[in-house]
Amino acid sequence: MENKHYFPSYLQIEVIAGMCSARCVMCDIENSPRQGLMSIEEYGTVLNKFVRHTDKLKFLNLQGLGESLLDPTLPEKIAIAKTQRI
């Protein structure tokens, strides 16, 4: 039996949760279990867990149940990911 190890090629990090300037009828953001902005430190901690797997990752999505463009630290978070080549 061959032992295969699978690793996802897609990484999604919710940098902002439960916050959005739109109120789309189909969105359930009002019931988001999390609220708020992910700190730069917390974001760095999450990214550091994936640095050794950058050869397997093809996509990074900084979005979840919230509007990422409301995150004032988004440019810095993108820059951090680019420096770590994620």
PDB file of N, CA and C in Angstrom:
ATOM      1  N   MET A   1       0.846  -1.174   0.000  1.00  0.00           N
ATOM      2  CA  MET A   1       0.000   0.000   0.000  1.00  0.00           C
ATOM      3  C   MET A   1       0.895   1.242   0.000  1.00  0.00           C
ATOM      4  N   GLU A   2       0.616   2.137  -0.915  1.00  0.00           N
ATOM      5  CA  GLU A   2       1.400   3.359  -1.040  1.00  0.00           C
ATOM      6  C   GLU A   2       0.892   4.400  -0.040  1.00  0.00           C
ATOM      7  N   ASN A   3       1.823   5.046   0.661  1.00  0.00           N
ATOM      8  CA  ASN A   3       1.477   6.071   1.638  1.00  0.00           C
ATOM      9  C   ASN A   3       1.559   7.438   0.975  1.00  0.00           C
ATOM     10  N   LYS A   4       0.413   8.045   0.653  1.00  0.00           N
ATOM     11  CA  LYS A   4       0.391   9.349   0.016  1.00  0.00           C
ATOM     12  C   LYS A   4      -0.010  10.408   1.039  1.00  0.00           C
ATOM     13  N   HIS A   5       0.647  11.550   0.943  1.00  0.00           N
ATOM     14  CA  HIS A   5       0.323  12.679   1.804  1.00  0.00           C
ATOM     15  C   HIS A   5      -0.256  13.772   0.934  1.00  0.00           C
ATOM     16  N   TYR A   6      -1.431  14.198   1.270  1.00  0.00           N
ATOM     17  CA  TYR A   6      -2.093  15.240   0.510  1.00  0.00           C
ATOM     18  C   TYR A   6      -2.050  16.542   1.294  1.00  0.00           C
ATOM     19  N   PHE A   7      -1.879  17.625   0.569  1.00  0.00           N
ATOM     20  CA  PHE A   7      -1.863  18.943   1.185  1.00  0.00           C
ATOM     21  C   PHE A   7      -2.678  19.876   0.302  1.00  0.00           C
ATOM     22  N   PRO A   8      -3.521  20.714   0.888  1.00  0.00           N
ATOM     23  CA  PRO A   8      -4.344  21.598   0.066  1.00  0.00           C
ATOM     24  C   PRO A   8      -3.499  22.611  -0.698  1.00  0.00           C
ATOM     25  N   SER A   9      -3.970  22.998  -1.869  1.00  0.00           N
ATOM     26  CA  SER A   9      -3.257  23.994  -2.663  1.00  0.00           C
ATOM     27  C   SER A   9      -3.863  25.380  -2.467  1.00  0.00           C
ATOM     28  N   TYR A  10      -4.914  25.461  -1.674  1.00  0.00           N
ATOM     29  CA  TYR A  10      -5.664  26.694  -1.488  1.00  0.00           C
ATOM     30  C   TYR A  10      -5.717  27.033  -0.007  1.00  0.00           C
ATOM     31  N   LEU A  11      -5.255  28.218   0.359  1.00  0.00           N
ATOM     32  CA  LEU A  11      -5.273  28.657   1.751  1.00  0.00           C
ATOM     33  C   LEU A  11      -6.167  29.882   1.865  1.00  0.00           C
ATOM     34  N   GLN A  12      -7.150  29.810   2.739  1.00  0.00           N
ATOM     35  CA  GLN A  12      -8.054  30.935   2.968  1.00  0.00           C
ATOM     36  C   GLN A  12      -7.931  31.372   4.417  1.00  0.00           C
ATOM     37  N   ILE A  13      -7.673  32.663   4.607  1.00  0.00           N
ATOM     38  CA  ILE A  13      -7.559  33.226   5.945  1.00  0.00           C
ATOM     39  C   ILE A  13      -8.594  34.335   6.075  1.00  0.00           C
ATOM     40  N   GLU A  14      -9.411  34.251   7.097  1.00  0.00           N
ATOM     41  CA  GLU A  14     -10.431  35.268   7.337  1.00  0.00           C
ATOM     42  C   GLU A  14      -9.794  36.403   8.133  1.00  0.00           C
ATOM     43  N   VAL A  15      -9.372  37.463   7.435  1.00  0.00           N
ATOM     44  CA  VAL A  15      -8.679  38.577   8.090  1.00  0.00           C
ATOM     45  C   VAL A  15      -9.636  39.550   8.761  1.00  0.00           C
ATOM     46  N   ILE A  16     -10.889  39.533   8.353  1.00  0.00           N
ATOM     47  CA  ILE A  16     -11.908  40.372   8.982  1.00  0.00           C
ATOM     48  C   ILE A  16     -13.194  39.547   9.053  1.00  0.00           C
ATOM     49  N   ALA A  17     -13.833  39.560  10.189  1.00  0.00           N
ATOM     50  CA  ALA A  17     -15.006  38.696  10.377  1.00  0.00           C
ATOM     51  C   ALA A  17     -16.203  39.504  10.852  1.00  0.00           C
ATOM     52  N   GLY A  18     -17.345  39.198  10.269  1.00  0.00           N
ATOM     53  CA  GLY A  18     -18.592  39.785  10.731  1.00  0.00           C
ATOM     54  C   GLY A  18     -18.740  41.267  10.488  1.00  0.00           C
ATOM     55  N   MET A  19     -17.936  41.822   9.593  1.00  0.00           N
ATOM     56  CA  MET A  19     -18.005  43.251   9.308  1.00  0.00           C
ATOM     57  C   MET A  19     -18.110  43.457   7.802  1.00  0.00           C
ATOM     58  N   CYS A  20     -19.127  44.212   7.397  1.00  0.00           N
ATOM     59  CA  CYS A  20     -19.318  44.479   5.977  1.00  0.00           C
ATOM     60  C   CYS A  20     -20.137  45.751   5.827  1.00  0.00           C
ATOM     61  N   SER A  21     -19.850  46.514   4.786  1.00  0.00           N
ATOM     62  CA  SER A  21     -20.592  47.751   4.550  1.00  0.00           C
ATOM     63  C   SER A  21     -21.846  47.509   3.723  1.00  0.00           C
ATOM     64  N   ALA A  22     -21.988  46.350   3.137  1.00  0.00           N
ATOM     65  CA  ALA A  22     -23.176  46.010   2.351  1.00  0.00           C
ATOM     66  C   ALA A  22     -24.116  45.153   3.194  1.00  0.00           C
ATOM     67  N   ARG A  23     -25.339  45.118   2.814  1.00  0.00           N
ATOM     68  CA  ARG A  23     -26.323  44.260   3.486  1.00  0.00           C
ATOM     69  C   ARG A  23     -27.050  43.446   2.426  1.00  0.00           C
ATOM     70  N   CYS A  24     -26.359  42.486   1.868  1.00  0.00           N
ATOM     71  CA  CYS A  24     -26.926  41.650   0.807  1.00  0.00           C
ATOM     72  C   CYS A  24     -27.973  40.713   1.411  1.00  0.00           C
ATOM     73  N   VAL A  25     -29.076  40.535   0.712  1.00  0.00           N
ATOM     74  CA  VAL A  25     -30.181  39.730   1.249  1.00  0.00           C
ATOM     75  C   VAL A  25     -29.804  38.267   1.451  1.00  0.00           C
ATOM     76  N   MET A  26     -28.858  37.758   0.662  1.00  0.00           N
ATOM     77  CA  MET A  26     -28.521  36.342   0.766  1.00  0.00           C
ATOM     78  C   MET A  26     -27.408  36.070   1.781  1.00  0.00           C
ATOM     79  N   CYS A  27     -26.821  37.117   2.348  1.00  0.00           N
ATOM     80  CA  CYS A  27     -25.679  36.962   3.257  1.00  0.00           C
ATOM     81  C   CYS A  27     -26.145  36.775   4.698  1.00  0.00           C
ATOM     82  N   ASP A  28     -25.454  35.911   5.408  1.00  0.00           N
ATOM     83  CA  ASP A  28     -25.789  35.604   6.799  1.00  0.00           C
ATOM     84  C   ASP A  28     -24.750  36.189   7.757  1.00  0.00           C
ATOM     85  N   ILE A  29     -24.170  37.308   7.393  1.00  0.00           N
ATOM     86  CA  ILE A  29     -23.096  37.902   8.192  1.00  0.00           C
ATOM     87  C   ILE A  29     -23.566  38.305   9.597  1.00  0.00           C
ATOM     88  N   GLU A  30     -24.823  38.595   9.740  1.00  0.00           N
ATOM     89  CA  GLU A  30     -25.373  38.976  11.050  1.00  0.00           C
ATOM     90  C   GLU A  30     -25.164  37.866  12.085  1.00  0.00           C
ATOM     91  N   ASN A  31     -25.099  36.622  11.622  1.00  0.00           N
ATOM     92  CA  ASN A  31     -24.947  35.482  12.521  1.00  0.00           C
ATOM     93  C   ASN A  31     -23.525  34.947  12.567  1.00  0.00           C
ATOM     94  N   SER A  32     -22.568  35.766  12.166  1.00  0.00           N
ATOM     95  CA  SER A  32     -21.169  35.336  12.163  1.00  0.00           C
ATOM     96  C   SER A  32     -20.724  34.992  13.584  1.00  0.00           C
ATOM     97  N   PRO A  33     -20.079  33.835  13.762  1.00  0.00           N
ATOM     98  CA  PRO A  33     -19.620  33.452  15.103  1.00  0.00           C
ATOM     99  C   PRO A  33     -18.442  34.301  15.580  1.00  0.00           C
ATOM    100  N   ARG A  34     -17.778  34.974  14.658  1.00  0.00           N
ATOM    101  CA  ARG A  34     -16.642  35.819  15.002  1.00  0.00           C
ATOM    102  C   ARG A  34     -16.935  37.257  14.577  1.00  0.00           C
ATOM    103  N   GLN A  35     -16.346  38.188  15.268  1.00  0.00           N
ATOM    104  CA  GLN A  35     -16.466  39.602  14.931  1.00  0.00           C
ATOM    105  C   GLN A  35     -15.091  40.236  15.095  1.00  0.00           C
ATOM    106  N   GLY A  36     -14.721  41.057  14.131  1.00  0.00           N
ATOM    107  CA  GLY A  36     -13.513  41.839  14.314  1.00  0.00           C
ATOM    108  C   GLY A  36     -12.429  41.592  13.299  1.00  0.00           C
ATOM    109  N   LEU A  37     -11.332  42.222  13.563  1.00  0.00           N
ATOM    110  CA  LEU A  37     -10.177  42.272  12.683  1.00  0.00           C
ATOM    111  C   LEU A  37      -9.066  41.377  13.222  1.00  0.00           C
ATOM    112  N   MET A  38      -8.464  40.590  12.362  1.00  0.00           N
ATOM    113  CA  MET A  38      -7.320  39.767  12.764  1.00  0.00           C
ATOM    114  C   MET A  38      -6.095  40.673  12.872  1.00  0.00           C
ATOM    115  N   SER A  39      -5.396  40.589  13.982  1.00  0.00           N
ATOM    116  CA  SER A  39      -4.208  41.422  14.178  1.00  0.00           C
ATOM    117  C   SER A  39      -3.069  40.961  13.261  1.00  0.00           C
ATOM    118  N   ILE A  40      -2.119  41.846  13.042  1.00  0.00           N
ATOM    119  CA  ILE A  40      -0.943  41.522  12.232  1.00  0.00           C
ATOM    120  C   ILE A  40      -0.178  40.365  12.876  1.00  0.00           C
ATOM    121  N   GLU A  41      -0.091  40.360  14.188  1.00  0.00           N
ATOM    122  CA  GLU A  41       0.633  39.305  14.899  1.00  0.00           C
ATOM    123  C   GLU A  41      -0.040  37.945  14.707  1.00  0.00           C
ATOM    124  N   GLU A  42      -1.353  37.938  14.867  1.00  0.00           N
ATOM    125  CA  GLU A  42      -2.104  36.691  14.691  1.00  0.00           C
ATOM    126  C   GLU A  42      -1.996  36.201  13.238  1.00  0.00           C
ATOM    127  N   TYR A  43      -2.088  37.127  12.298  1.00  0.00           N
ATOM    128  CA  TYR A  43      -1.958  36.805  10.874  1.00  0.00           C
ATOM    129  C   TYR A  43      -0.573  36.204  10.601  1.00  0.00           C
ATOM    130  N   GLY A  44       0.462  36.815  11.150  1.00  0.00           N
ATOM    131  CA  GLY A  44       1.825  36.304  10.981  1.00  0.00           C
ATOM    132  C   GLY A  44       1.981  34.903  11.541  1.00  0.00           C
ATOM    133  N   THR A  45       1.358  34.639  12.674  1.00  0.00           N
ATOM    134  CA  THR A  45       1.402  33.317  13.291  1.00  0.00           C
ATOM    135  C   THR A  45       0.771  32.269  12.377  1.00  0.00           C
ATOM    136  N   VAL A  46      -0.374  32.615  11.789  1.00  0.00           N
ATOM    137  CA  VAL A  46      -1.051  31.679  10.876  1.00  0.00           C
ATOM    138  C   VAL A  46      -0.175  31.430   9.648  1.00  0.00           C
ATOM    139  N   LEU A  47       0.340  32.504   9.046  1.00  0.00           N
ATOM    140  CA  LEU A  47       1.171  32.348   7.847  1.00  0.00           C
ATOM    141  C   LEU A  47       2.421  31.519   8.121  1.00  0.00           C
ATOM    142  N   ASN A  48       3.040  31.732   9.275  1.00  0.00           N
ATOM    143  CA  ASN A  48       4.267  30.997   9.601  1.00  0.00           C
ATOM    144  C   ASN A  48       4.053  29.489   9.632  1.00  0.00           C
ATOM    145  N   LYS A  49       2.838  29.059   9.908  1.00  0.00           N
ATOM    146  CA  LYS A  49       2.540  27.630   9.923  1.00  0.00           C
ATOM    147  C   LYS A  49       2.572  27.022   8.522  1.00  0.00           C
ATOM    148  N   PHE A  50       2.478  27.878   7.492  1.00  0.00           N
ATOM    149  CA  PHE A  50       2.415  27.386   6.119  1.00  0.00           C
ATOM    150  C   PHE A  50       3.663  27.689   5.303  1.00  0.00           C
ATOM    151  N   VAL A  51       4.625  28.388   5.878  1.00  0.00           N
ATOM    152  CA  VAL A  51       5.830  28.781   5.136  1.00  0.00           C
ATOM    153  C   VAL A  51       6.559  27.571   4.553  1.00  0.00           C
ATOM    154  N   ARG A  52       6.647  26.503   5.295  1.00  0.00           N
ATOM    155  CA  ARG A  52       7.374  25.328   4.787  1.00  0.00           C
ATOM    156  C   ARG A  52       6.607  24.574   3.709  1.00  0.00           C
ATOM    157  N   HIS A  53       5.362  24.987   3.452  1.00  0.00           N
ATOM    158  CA  HIS A  53       4.533  24.323   2.442  1.00  0.00           C
ATOM    159  C   HIS A  53       4.275  25.214   1.226  1.00  0.00           C
ATOM    160  N   THR A  54       5.057  26.271   1.065  1.00  0.00           N
ATOM    161  CA  THR A  54       4.789  27.209  -0.034  1.00  0.00           C
ATOM    162  C   THR A  54       4.890  26.546  -1.404  1.00  0.00           C
ATOM    163  N   ASP A  55       5.664  25.487  -1.516  1.00  0.00           N
ATOM    164  CA  ASP A  55       5.776  24.798  -2.806  1.00  0.00           C
ATOM    165  C   ASP A  55       4.467  24.096  -3.185  1.00  0.00           C
ATOM    166  N   LYS A  56       3.616  23.835  -2.204  1.00  0.00           N
ATOM    167  CA  LYS A  56       2.348  23.159  -2.468  1.00  0.00           C
ATOM    168  C   LYS A  56       1.179  24.131  -2.638  1.00  0.00           C
ATOM    169  N   LEU A  57       1.324  25.335  -2.076  1.00  0.00           N
ATOM    170  CA  LEU A  57       0.233  26.311  -2.130  1.00  0.00           C
ATOM    171  C   LEU A  57       0.220  27.046  -3.460  1.00  0.00           C
ATOM    172  N   LYS A  58      -0.963  27.154  -4.047  1.00  0.00           N
ATOM    173  CA  LYS A  58      -1.119  27.871  -5.307  1.00  0.00           C
ATOM    174  C   LYS A  58      -1.907  29.162  -5.128  1.00  0.00           C
ATOM    175  N   PHE A  59      -2.785  29.191  -4.133  1.00  0.00           N
ATOM    176  CA  PHE A  59      -3.665  30.341  -3.929  1.00  0.00           C
ATOM    177  C   PHE A  59      -3.717  30.730  -2.460  1.00  0.00           C
ATOM    178  N   LEU A  60      -3.776  32.026  -2.219  1.00  0.00           N
ATOM    179  CA  LEU A  60      -4.030  32.563  -0.887  1.00  0.00           C
ATOM    180  C   LEU A  60      -5.204  33.520  -1.009  1.00  0.00           C
ATOM    181  N   ASN A  61      -6.223  33.307  -0.198  1.00  0.00           N
ATOM    182  CA  ASN A  61      -7.413  34.146  -0.217  1.00  0.00           C
ATOM    183  C   ASN A  61      -7.572  34.760   1.165  1.00  0.00           C
ATOM    184  N   LEU A  62      -7.545  36.078   1.246  1.00  0.00           N
ATOM    185  CA  LEU A  62      -7.695  36.767   2.524  1.00  0.00           C
ATOM    186  C   LEU A  62      -9.140  37.241   2.664  1.00  0.00           C
ATOM    187  N   GLN A  63     -10.043  36.302   2.772  1.00  0.00           N
ATOM    188  CA  GLN A  63     -11.462  36.620   2.783  1.00  0.00           C
ATOM    189  C   GLN A  63     -12.206  35.539   3.532  1.00  0.00           C
ATOM    190  N   GLY A  64     -13.314  35.905   4.092  1.00  0.00           N
ATOM    191  CA  GLY A  64     -14.173  34.952   4.782  1.00  0.00           C
ATOM    192  C   GLY A  64     -15.551  35.553   4.874  1.00  0.00           C
ATOM    193  N   LEU A  65     -16.144  35.533   6.057  1.00  0.00           N
ATOM    194  CA  LEU A  65     -17.464  36.113   6.256  1.00  0.00           C
ATOM    195  C   LEU A  65     -17.290  37.558   6.737  1.00  0.00           C
ATOM    196  N   GLY A  66     -16.831  38.393   5.813  1.00  0.00           N
ATOM    197  CA  GLY A  66     -16.587  39.806   6.096  1.00  0.00           C
ATOM    198  C   GLY A  66     -15.943  40.438   4.873  1.00  0.00           C
ATOM    199  N   GLU A  67     -15.983  41.755   4.797  1.00  0.00           N
ATOM    200  CA  GLU A  67     -15.426  42.485   3.662  1.00  0.00           C
ATOM    201  C   GLU A  67     -13.960  42.813   3.926  1.00  0.00           C
ATOM    202  N   SER A  68     -13.074  42.124   3.239  1.00  0.00           N
ATOM    203  CA  SER A  68     -11.633  42.278   3.449  1.00  0.00           C
ATOM    204  C   SER A  68     -11.144  43.703   3.199  1.00  0.00           C
ATOM    205  N   LEU A  69     -11.799  44.417   2.302  1.00  0.00           N
ATOM    206  CA  LEU A  69     -11.353  45.774   1.982  1.00  0.00           C
ATOM    207  C   LEU A  69     -11.616  46.766   3.114  1.00  0.00           C
ATOM    208  N   LEU A  70     -12.346  46.361   4.144  1.00  0.00           N
ATOM    209  CA  LEU A  70     -12.540  47.206   5.328  1.00  0.00           C
ATOM    210  C   LEU A  70     -11.368  47.082   6.299  1.00  0.00           C
ATOM    211  N   ASP A  71     -10.475  46.155   6.049  1.00  0.00           N
ATOM    212  CA  ASP A  71      -9.308  45.933   6.913  1.00  0.00           C
ATOM    213  C   ASP A  71      -8.229  46.968   6.572  1.00  0.00           C
ATOM    214  N   PRO A  72      -7.959  47.921   7.466  1.00  0.00           N
ATOM    215  CA  PRO A  72      -6.952  48.942   7.178  1.00  0.00           C
ATOM    216  C   PRO A  72      -5.531  48.375   7.084  1.00  0.00           C
ATOM    217  N   THR A  73      -5.316  47.171   7.607  1.00  0.00           N
ATOM    218  CA  THR A  73      -3.983  46.559   7.552  1.00  0.00           C
ATOM    219  C   THR A  73      -3.846  45.588   6.384  1.00  0.00           C
ATOM    220  N   LEU A  74      -4.834  45.548   5.495  1.00  0.00           N
ATOM    221  CA  LEU A  74      -4.800  44.602   4.376  1.00  0.00           C
ATOM    222  C   LEU A  74      -3.546  44.754   3.503  1.00  0.00           C
ATOM    223  N   PRO A  75      -3.135  45.979   3.120  1.00  0.00           N
ATOM    224  CA  PRO A  75      -1.909  46.094   2.310  1.00  0.00           C
ATOM    225  C   PRO A  75      -0.683  45.499   3.011  1.00  0.00           C
ATOM    226  N   GLU A  76      -0.594  45.703   4.322  1.00  0.00           N
ATOM    227  CA  GLU A  76       0.532  45.150   5.078  1.00  0.00           C
ATOM    228  C   GLU A  76       0.466  43.612   5.111  1.00  0.00           C
ATOM    229  N   LYS A  77      -0.726  43.072   5.247  1.00  0.00           N
ATOM    230  CA  LYS A  77      -0.894  41.617   5.272  1.00  0.00           C
ATOM    231  C   LYS A  77      -0.540  41.006   3.922  1.00  0.00           C
ATOM    232  N   ILE A  78      -0.910  41.673   2.849  1.00  0.00           N
ATOM    233  CA  ILE A  78      -0.541  41.194   1.512  1.00  0.00           C
ATOM    234  C   ILE A  78       0.972  41.239   1.344  1.00  0.00           C
ATOM    235  N   ALA A  79       1.590  42.322   1.801  1.00  0.00           N
ATOM    236  CA  ALA A  79       3.049  42.451   1.700  1.00  0.00           C
ATOM    237  C   ALA A  79       3.760  41.344   2.491  1.00  0.00           C
ATOM    238  N   ILE A  80       3.258  41.018   3.643  1.00  0.00           N
ATOM    239  CA  ILE A  80       3.851  39.947   4.463  1.00  0.00           C
ATOM    240  C   ILE A  80       3.765  38.619   3.707  1.00  0.00           C
ATOM    241  N   ALA A  81       2.612  38.335   3.125  1.00  0.00           N
ATOM    242  CA  ALA A  81       2.435  37.080   2.386  1.00  0.00           C
ATOM    243  C   ALA A  81       3.379  37.033   1.174  1.00  0.00           C
ATOM    244  N   LYS A  82       3.550  38.168   0.516  1.00  0.00           N
ATOM    245  CA  LYS A  82       4.445  38.198  -0.652  1.00  0.00           C
ATOM    246  C   LYS A  82       5.900  37.996  -0.223  1.00  0.00           C
ATOM    247  N   THR A  83       6.284  38.554   0.924  1.00  0.00           N
ATOM    248  CA  THR A  83       7.671  38.366   1.388  1.00  0.00           C
ATOM    249  C   THR A  83       7.935  36.915   1.753  1.00  0.00           C
ATOM    250  N   GLN A  84       6.921  36.259   2.263  1.00  0.00           N
ATOM    251  CA  GLN A  84       7.070  34.839   2.616  1.00  0.00           C
ATOM    252  C   GLN A  84       6.772  33.929   1.433  1.00  0.00           C
ATOM    253  N   ARG A  85       6.454  34.520   0.292  1.00  0.00           N
ATOM    254  CA  ARG A  85       6.188  33.794  -0.966  1.00  0.00           C
ATOM    255  C   ARG A  85       5.036  32.809  -0.839  1.00  0.00           C
ATOM    256  N   ILE A  86       4.001  33.259  -0.172  1.00  0.00           N
ATOM    257  CA  ILE A  86       2.794  32.423  -0.031  1.00  0.00           C
ATOM    258  C   ILE A  86       1.792  32.925  -1.037  1.00  0.00           C
TER     259      ILE A  86
END
